[in-house]
N, C-alpha and C. Protein backbone atom coordinates (compact mmCIF):
# COMPACT_ATOMS: atom_id res chain seq x y z
N MET A 1 0.85 -1.17 0.00
CA MET A 1 0.00 0.00 0.00
C MET A 1 0.90 1.23 0.00
N THR A 2 0.64 2.13 -0.88
CA THR A 2 1.45 3.33 -0.96
C THR A 2 0.75 4.48 -0.26
N GLU A 3 1.54 5.42 0.21
CA GLU A 3 1.00 6.60 0.88
C GLU A 3 0.05 7.34 -0.05
N GLY A 4 -1.09 7.74 0.46
CA GLY A 4 -2.05 8.48 -0.34
C GLY A 4 -3.02 7.60 -1.12
N THR A 5 -2.82 6.28 -1.09
CA THR A 5 -3.73 5.37 -1.78
C THR A 5 -5.08 5.37 -1.08
N ARG A 6 -6.13 5.50 -1.84
CA ARG A 6 -7.49 5.49 -1.29
C ARG A 6 -8.12 4.12 -1.54
N HIS A 7 -8.89 3.68 -0.56
CA HIS A 7 -9.60 2.42 -0.67
C HIS A 7 -11.06 2.67 -0.35
N GLU A 8 -11.93 1.86 -0.92
CA GLU A 8 -13.34 1.94 -0.57
C GLU A 8 -13.57 1.01 0.62
N TRP A 9 -13.72 1.60 1.79
CA TRP A 9 -13.94 0.84 3.01
C TRP A 9 -15.42 0.54 3.17
N ARG A 10 -15.73 -0.70 3.54
CA ARG A 10 -17.12 -1.12 3.74
C ARG A 10 -17.27 -1.69 5.14
N ARG A 11 -18.49 -1.63 5.64
CA ARG A 11 -18.81 -2.29 6.90
C ARG A 11 -20.08 -3.09 6.72
N SER A 12 -20.32 -3.98 7.62
CA SER A 12 -21.49 -4.85 7.52
C SER A 12 -22.78 -4.05 7.47
N SER A 13 -23.71 -4.52 6.67
CA SER A 13 -25.02 -3.90 6.63
C SER A 13 -25.78 -4.13 7.93
N ARG A 14 -25.29 -5.04 8.75
CA ARG A 14 -25.91 -5.31 10.05
C ARG A 14 -25.41 -4.36 11.13
N SER A 15 -24.46 -3.53 10.81
CA SER A 15 -23.99 -2.53 11.77
C SER A 15 -25.08 -1.48 11.93
N THR A 16 -25.47 -1.25 13.15
CA THR A 16 -26.55 -0.30 13.40
C THR A 16 -26.06 1.11 13.60
N SER A 17 -24.77 1.27 13.86
CA SER A 17 -24.22 2.62 14.02
C SER A 17 -22.81 2.63 13.46
N GLY A 18 -22.20 3.78 13.43
CA GLY A 18 -20.85 3.90 12.90
C GLY A 18 -19.78 3.59 13.93
N GLU A 19 -20.19 3.21 15.14
CA GLU A 19 -19.24 2.93 16.20
C GLU A 19 -19.00 1.43 16.35
N ASN A 20 -17.80 1.10 16.81
CA ASN A 20 -17.46 -0.29 17.11
C ASN A 20 -17.67 -1.24 15.94
N CYS A 21 -17.25 -0.81 14.77
CA CYS A 21 -17.40 -1.64 13.57
C CYS A 21 -16.03 -2.05 13.04
N VAL A 22 -16.04 -3.15 12.35
CA VAL A 22 -14.88 -3.56 11.58
C VAL A 22 -15.17 -3.17 10.14
N GLU A 23 -14.21 -2.55 9.48
CA GLU A 23 -14.37 -2.16 8.08
C GLU A 23 -13.36 -2.93 7.25
N VAL A 24 -13.74 -3.26 6.02
CA VAL A 24 -12.85 -3.98 5.12
C VAL A 24 -12.74 -3.24 3.79
N ALA A 25 -11.59 -3.42 3.15
CA ALA A 25 -11.35 -2.85 1.82
C ALA A 25 -10.61 -3.88 0.99
N ALA A 26 -10.99 -3.99 -0.27
CA ALA A 26 -10.32 -4.92 -1.19
C ALA A 26 -9.17 -4.20 -1.87
N LEU A 27 -8.00 -4.77 -1.77
CA LEU A 27 -6.80 -4.29 -2.45
C LEU A 27 -6.14 -5.55 -3.00
N GLU A 28 -6.79 -6.12 -4.03
CA GLU A 28 -6.39 -7.43 -4.56
C GLU A 28 -4.89 -7.50 -4.77
N PRO A 29 -4.25 -8.56 -4.35
CA PRO A 29 -4.85 -9.79 -3.85
C PRO A 29 -5.03 -9.81 -2.33
N ARG A 30 -5.07 -8.65 -1.69
CA ARG A 30 -5.19 -8.56 -0.24
C ARG A 30 -6.53 -7.98 0.16
N ILE A 31 -6.94 -8.28 1.39
CA ILE A 31 -8.09 -7.66 2.03
C ILE A 31 -7.57 -6.93 3.25
N LEU A 32 -7.90 -5.66 3.37
CA LEU A 32 -7.48 -4.87 4.52
C LEU A 32 -8.63 -4.77 5.50
N VAL A 33 -8.31 -4.78 6.79
CA VAL A 33 -9.31 -4.71 7.85
C VAL A 33 -8.86 -3.64 8.84
N ARG A 34 -9.81 -2.79 9.26
CA ARG A 34 -9.48 -1.75 10.24
C ARG A 34 -10.65 -1.55 11.21
N ASP A 35 -10.38 -0.85 12.28
CA ASP A 35 -11.38 -0.49 13.28
C ASP A 35 -11.97 0.86 12.89
N SER A 36 -13.30 0.94 12.81
CA SER A 36 -13.93 2.19 12.38
C SER A 36 -13.66 3.35 13.34
N LYS A 37 -13.37 3.04 14.61
CA LYS A 37 -13.08 4.10 15.57
C LYS A 37 -11.70 4.71 15.35
N ALA A 38 -10.84 4.01 14.65
CA ALA A 38 -9.47 4.47 14.42
C ALA A 38 -9.11 4.29 12.95
N PRO A 39 -9.76 5.04 12.05
CA PRO A 39 -9.53 4.82 10.62
C PRO A 39 -8.09 5.05 10.16
N ASP A 40 -7.33 5.82 10.91
CA ASP A 40 -5.92 6.04 10.56
C ASP A 40 -4.99 5.15 11.36
N GLY A 41 -5.56 4.26 12.16
CA GLY A 41 -4.78 3.36 13.00
C GLY A 41 -4.28 2.15 12.23
N PRO A 42 -3.84 1.15 12.97
CA PRO A 42 -3.29 -0.05 12.33
C PRO A 42 -4.34 -0.79 11.52
N ARG A 43 -3.86 -1.49 10.52
CA ARG A 43 -4.72 -2.30 9.65
C ARG A 43 -4.16 -3.70 9.55
N LEU A 44 -5.06 -4.64 9.47
CA LEU A 44 -4.66 -6.02 9.22
C LEU A 44 -4.76 -6.28 7.73
N SER A 45 -3.93 -7.17 7.23
CA SER A 45 -3.93 -7.50 5.81
C SER A 45 -3.98 -9.02 5.67
N PHE A 46 -4.95 -9.49 4.89
CA PHE A 46 -5.14 -10.91 4.68
C PHE A 46 -5.12 -11.24 3.20
N ASP A 47 -4.63 -12.42 2.87
CA ASP A 47 -4.75 -12.93 1.51
C ASP A 47 -6.25 -13.07 1.22
N ALA A 48 -6.69 -12.68 0.04
CA ALA A 48 -8.12 -12.69 -0.31
C ALA A 48 -8.73 -14.09 -0.15
N ALA A 49 -8.00 -15.14 -0.52
CA ALA A 49 -8.54 -16.50 -0.41
C ALA A 49 -8.73 -16.88 1.06
N VAL A 50 -7.82 -16.48 1.91
CA VAL A 50 -7.94 -16.75 3.35
C VAL A 50 -9.14 -16.00 3.91
N TRP A 51 -9.32 -14.75 3.51
CA TRP A 51 -10.46 -13.96 3.97
C TRP A 51 -11.79 -14.58 3.53
N ARG A 52 -11.87 -15.05 2.29
CA ARG A 52 -13.09 -15.70 1.81
C ARG A 52 -13.40 -16.95 2.64
N GLY A 53 -12.37 -17.72 2.95
CA GLY A 53 -12.58 -18.91 3.79
C GLY A 53 -13.08 -18.54 5.18
N PHE A 54 -12.52 -17.49 5.76
CA PHE A 54 -12.94 -17.02 7.07
C PHE A 54 -14.40 -16.56 7.04
N THR A 55 -14.77 -15.78 6.04
CA THR A 55 -16.15 -15.29 5.98
C THR A 55 -17.14 -16.44 5.72
N ARG A 56 -16.72 -17.47 4.97
CA ARG A 56 -17.58 -18.65 4.79
C ARG A 56 -17.82 -19.34 6.14
N GLN A 57 -16.76 -19.44 6.94
CA GLN A 57 -16.89 -20.06 8.27
C GLN A 57 -17.84 -19.25 9.15
N ILE A 58 -17.73 -17.93 9.09
CA ILE A 58 -18.63 -17.09 9.90
C ILE A 58 -20.07 -17.31 9.47
N LYS A 59 -20.33 -17.30 8.17
CA LYS A 59 -21.70 -17.49 7.67
C LYS A 59 -22.25 -18.87 8.06
N ALA A 60 -21.36 -19.86 8.17
CA ALA A 60 -21.79 -21.21 8.54
C ALA A 60 -21.95 -21.38 10.05
N GLY A 61 -21.60 -20.33 10.82
CA GLY A 61 -21.75 -20.39 12.27
C GLY A 61 -20.58 -21.01 13.01
N ALA A 62 -19.47 -21.23 12.33
CA ALA A 62 -18.33 -21.90 12.94
C ALA A 62 -17.71 -21.09 14.09
N HIS A 63 -17.96 -19.80 14.14
CA HIS A 63 -17.37 -18.95 15.19
C HIS A 63 -18.43 -18.36 16.11
N ASP A 64 -19.62 -18.93 16.10
CA ASP A 64 -20.68 -18.44 16.98
C ASP A 64 -20.33 -18.74 18.43
N ARG A 65 -20.72 -17.85 19.29
CA ARG A 65 -20.51 -18.08 20.71
C ARG A 65 -21.57 -19.05 21.21
N ALA A 66 -21.16 -19.89 22.12
CA ALA A 66 -22.09 -20.89 22.68
C ALA A 66 -23.03 -20.26 23.69
């Protein structure tokens, strides 16, 4: 990622407010993740295939709390 690069950050449609959200941006072949409360703070970077696998697990309930 180069300085000044802009990304389209998205958050879940299930987020009811702009606080306490995780936002994601596609920067193929990577997916960036940040905290909406700290948009200029640290970001995580994942391989797109790994991110897709993770989101499939979430949708399947693999990470639901008991």
